[in-house]
Amino acid sequence: EWEFGVRGAWVLAPTRHGAHNWEGTGMRSSLSALEALGRLTAHGWFDFVAADPSRVVYAGHSMGGHGAWHIATHFPDKALAVQTAAGWIRKEYYGD
């Protein structure tokens, strides 16, 4: 039997809008998507475990890694862990 993902976990993969925009709209849309997933799954409409927006593993690669760092450092109370691959900390240090 093949199972996609990890039992008891959800994957939410939002994207950001515009260059270097995890600091503004990208962060807000990601957090909104996370809260919406929590609300949608809380009602038991799905045969899955409910998503818990207060227990998040942030992950990303490159610009997504930057987003993971940025959101996790601004909302550490929600972060269980952060995993980045080639994620940069500050946009000022990233070369375009």
C-alpha atoms as a PDB file:
ATOM      1  CA  GLU A   1       0.000   0.000   0.000  1.00  0.00           C
ATOM      2  CA  TRP A   2       1.394   3.366  -1.009  1.00  0.00           C
ATOM      3  CA  GLU A   3       0.760   6.463   1.067  1.00  0.00           C
ATOM      4  CA  PHE A   4       1.522  10.009   0.003  1.00  0.00           C
ATOM      5  CA  GLY A   5       3.097  12.296   2.594  1.00  0.00           C
ATOM      6  CA  VAL A   6       3.436  11.723   6.291  1.00  0.00           C
ATOM      7  CA  ARG A   7       0.624  10.285   8.376  1.00  0.00           C
ATOM      8  CA  GLY A   8      -0.824  12.933  10.665  1.00  0.00           C
ATOM      9  CA  ALA A   9       0.752  15.863   8.805  1.00  0.00           C
ATOM     10  CA  TRP A  10      -0.307  18.362   6.161  1.00  0.00           C
ATOM     11  CA  VAL A  11       1.801  20.036   3.463  1.00  0.00           C
ATOM     12  CA  LEU A  12       0.895  23.588   2.544  1.00  0.00           C
ATOM     13  CA  ALA A  13       2.993  25.126  -0.240  1.00  0.00           C
ATOM     14  CA  PRO A  14       2.126  28.792  -0.742  1.00  0.00           C
ATOM     15  CA  THR A  15       4.125  31.005  -3.060  1.00  0.00           C
ATOM     16  CA  ARG A  16       5.083  34.616  -2.664  1.00  0.00           C
ATOM     17  CA  HIS A  17       4.075  37.503  -4.929  1.00  0.00           C
ATOM     18  CA  GLY A  18       6.905  39.497  -6.520  1.00  0.00           C
ATOM     19  CA  ALA A  19      10.610  39.540  -5.953  1.00  0.00           C
ATOM     20  CA  HIS A  20      11.827  39.368  -2.352  1.00  0.00           C
ATOM     21  CA  ASN A  21       8.303  39.566  -1.024  1.00  0.00           C
ATOM     22  CA  TRP A  22       8.227  37.197   1.906  1.00  0.00           C
ATOM     23  CA  GLU A  23       8.425  40.331   4.046  1.00  0.00           C
ATOM     24  CA  GLY A  24       5.002  41.622   2.992  1.00  0.00           C
ATOM     25  CA  THR A  25       2.250  40.095   0.900  1.00  0.00           C
ATOM     26  CA  GLY A  26       3.928  36.696   0.622  1.00  0.00           C
ATOM     27  CA  MET A  27       4.113  36.331   4.394  1.00  0.00           C
ATOM     28  CA  ARG A  28       0.515  37.492   4.862  1.00  0.00           C
ATOM     29  CA  SER A  29      -0.825  35.142   2.175  1.00  0.00           C
ATOM     30  CA  SER A  30       1.126  32.205   3.653  1.00  0.00           C
ATOM     31  CA  LEU A  31      -0.204  32.842   7.139  1.00  0.00           C
ATOM     32  CA  SER A  32      -3.732  33.280   5.759  1.00  0.00           C
ATOM     33  CA  ALA A  33      -3.468  29.949   3.917  1.00  0.00           C
ATOM     34  CA  LEU A  34      -2.225  28.263   7.099  1.00  0.00           C
ATOM     35  CA  GLU A  35      -5.126  29.637   9.143  1.00  0.00           C
ATOM     36  CA  ALA A  36      -7.625  28.647   6.420  1.00  0.00           C
ATOM     37  CA  LEU A  37      -6.259  25.089   6.347  1.00  0.00           C
ATOM     38  CA  GLY A  38      -6.703  24.912  10.117  1.00  0.00           C
ATOM     39  CA  ARG A  39     -10.319  26.113   9.871  1.00  0.00           C
ATOM     40  CA  LEU A  40     -11.206  23.799   6.972  1.00  0.00           C
ATOM     41  CA  THR A  41      -9.836  20.689   8.619  1.00  0.00           C
ATOM     42  CA  ALA A  42     -11.131  21.473  12.118  1.00  0.00           C
ATOM     43  CA  HIS A  43     -14.719  20.572  11.198  1.00  0.00           C
ATOM     44  CA  GLY A  44     -13.963  16.932  10.485  1.00  0.00           C
ATOM     45  CA  TRP A  45     -15.174  17.156   6.891  1.00  0.00           C
ATOM     46  CA  PHE A  46     -12.155  15.162   5.809  1.00  0.00           C
ATOM     47  CA  ASP A  47     -11.036  11.733   6.918  1.00  0.00           C
ATOM     48  CA  PHE A  48      -7.729  13.253   8.047  1.00  0.00           C
ATOM     49  CA  VAL A  49      -6.264  14.696  11.190  1.00  0.00           C
ATOM     50  CA  ALA A  50      -7.005  18.409  11.584  1.00  0.00           C
ATOM     51  CA  ALA A  51      -4.205  20.826  10.733  1.00  0.00           C
ATOM     52  CA  ASP A  52      -2.819  22.725  13.717  1.00  0.00           C
ATOM     53  CA  PRO A  53      -1.651  26.223  12.675  1.00  0.00           C
ATOM     54  CA  SER A  54       0.268  26.555  15.935  1.00  0.00           C
ATOM     55  CA  ARG A  55       2.568  23.553  15.187  1.00  0.00           C
ATOM     56  CA  VAL A  56       4.404  24.217  11.927  1.00  0.00           C
ATOM     57  CA  VAL A  57       7.580  22.938  10.299  1.00  0.00           C
ATOM     58  CA  TYR A  58       8.665  25.682   7.912  1.00  0.00           C
ATOM     59  CA  ALA A  59      10.659  24.487   4.901  1.00  0.00           C
ATOM     60  CA  GLY A  60      11.818  25.903   1.589  1.00  0.00           C
ATOM     61  CA  HIS A  61      14.528  26.113  -1.025  1.00  0.00           C
ATOM     62  CA  SER A  62      16.243  29.281  -2.228  1.00  0.00           C
ATOM     63  CA  MET A  63      13.637  32.076  -2.067  1.00  0.00           C
ATOM     64  CA  GLY A  64      11.300  29.613  -0.310  1.00  0.00           C
ATOM     65  CA  GLY A  65      14.101  29.028   2.190  1.00  0.00           C
ATOM     66  CA  HIS A  66      14.198  32.762   2.776  1.00  0.00           C
ATOM     67  CA  GLY A  67      10.438  32.672   3.355  1.00  0.00           C
ATOM     68  CA  ALA A  68      10.810  29.810   5.827  1.00  0.00           C
ATOM     69  CA  TRP A  69      13.480  31.702   7.775  1.00  0.00           C
ATOM     70  CA  HIS A  70      11.530  34.954   7.670  1.00  0.00           C
ATOM     71  CA  ILE A  71       8.185  33.553   8.815  1.00  0.00           C
ATOM     72  CA  ALA A  72       9.680  31.254  11.461  1.00  0.00           C
ATOM     73  CA  THR A  73      11.727  34.053  13.012  1.00  0.00           C
ATOM     74  CA  HIS A  74       8.722  36.388  13.084  1.00  0.00           C
ATOM     75  CA  PHE A  75       6.348  33.738  14.467  1.00  0.00           C
ATOM     76  CA  PRO A  76       8.548  31.461  16.587  1.00  0.00           C
ATOM     77  CA  ASP A  77       5.595  30.455  18.768  1.00  0.00           C
ATOM     78  CA  LYS A  78       4.184  28.477  15.799  1.00  0.00           C
ATOM     79  CA  ALA A  79       7.464  26.892  14.684  1.00  0.00           C
ATOM     80  CA  LEU A  80       8.337  23.315  15.555  1.00  0.00           C
ATOM     81  CA  ALA A  81      11.325  23.447  13.208  1.00  0.00           C
ATOM     82  CA  VAL A  82      12.823  25.241  10.222  1.00  0.00           C
ATOM     83  CA  GLN A  83      14.445  23.440   7.286  1.00  0.00           C
ATOM     84  CA  THR A  84      15.973  25.440   4.473  1.00  0.00           C
ATOM     85  CA  ALA A  85      18.114  24.577   1.491  1.00  0.00           C
ATOM     86  CA  ALA A  86      20.064  27.528   0.099  1.00  0.00           C
ATOM     87  CA  GLY A  87      17.799  29.952   1.940  1.00  0.00           C
ATOM     88  CA  TRP A  88      19.176  33.418   2.545  1.00  0.00           C
ATOM     89  CA  ILE A  89      18.568  35.359   5.751  1.00  0.00           C
ATOM     90  CA  ARG A  90      18.321  38.958   4.502  1.00  0.00           C
ATOM     91  CA  LYS A  91      17.436  40.193   1.032  1.00  0.00           C
ATOM     92  CA  GLU A  92      20.158  42.839   1.299  1.00  0.00           C
ATOM     93  CA  TYR A  93      22.746  40.043   1.220  1.00  0.00           C
ATOM     94  CA  TYR A  94      21.213  38.289  -1.776  1.00  0.00           C
ATOM     95  CA  GLY A  95      22.625  39.155  -5.190  1.00  0.00           C
ATOM     96  CA  ASP A  96      20.189  39.635  -8.054  1.00  0.00           C
END
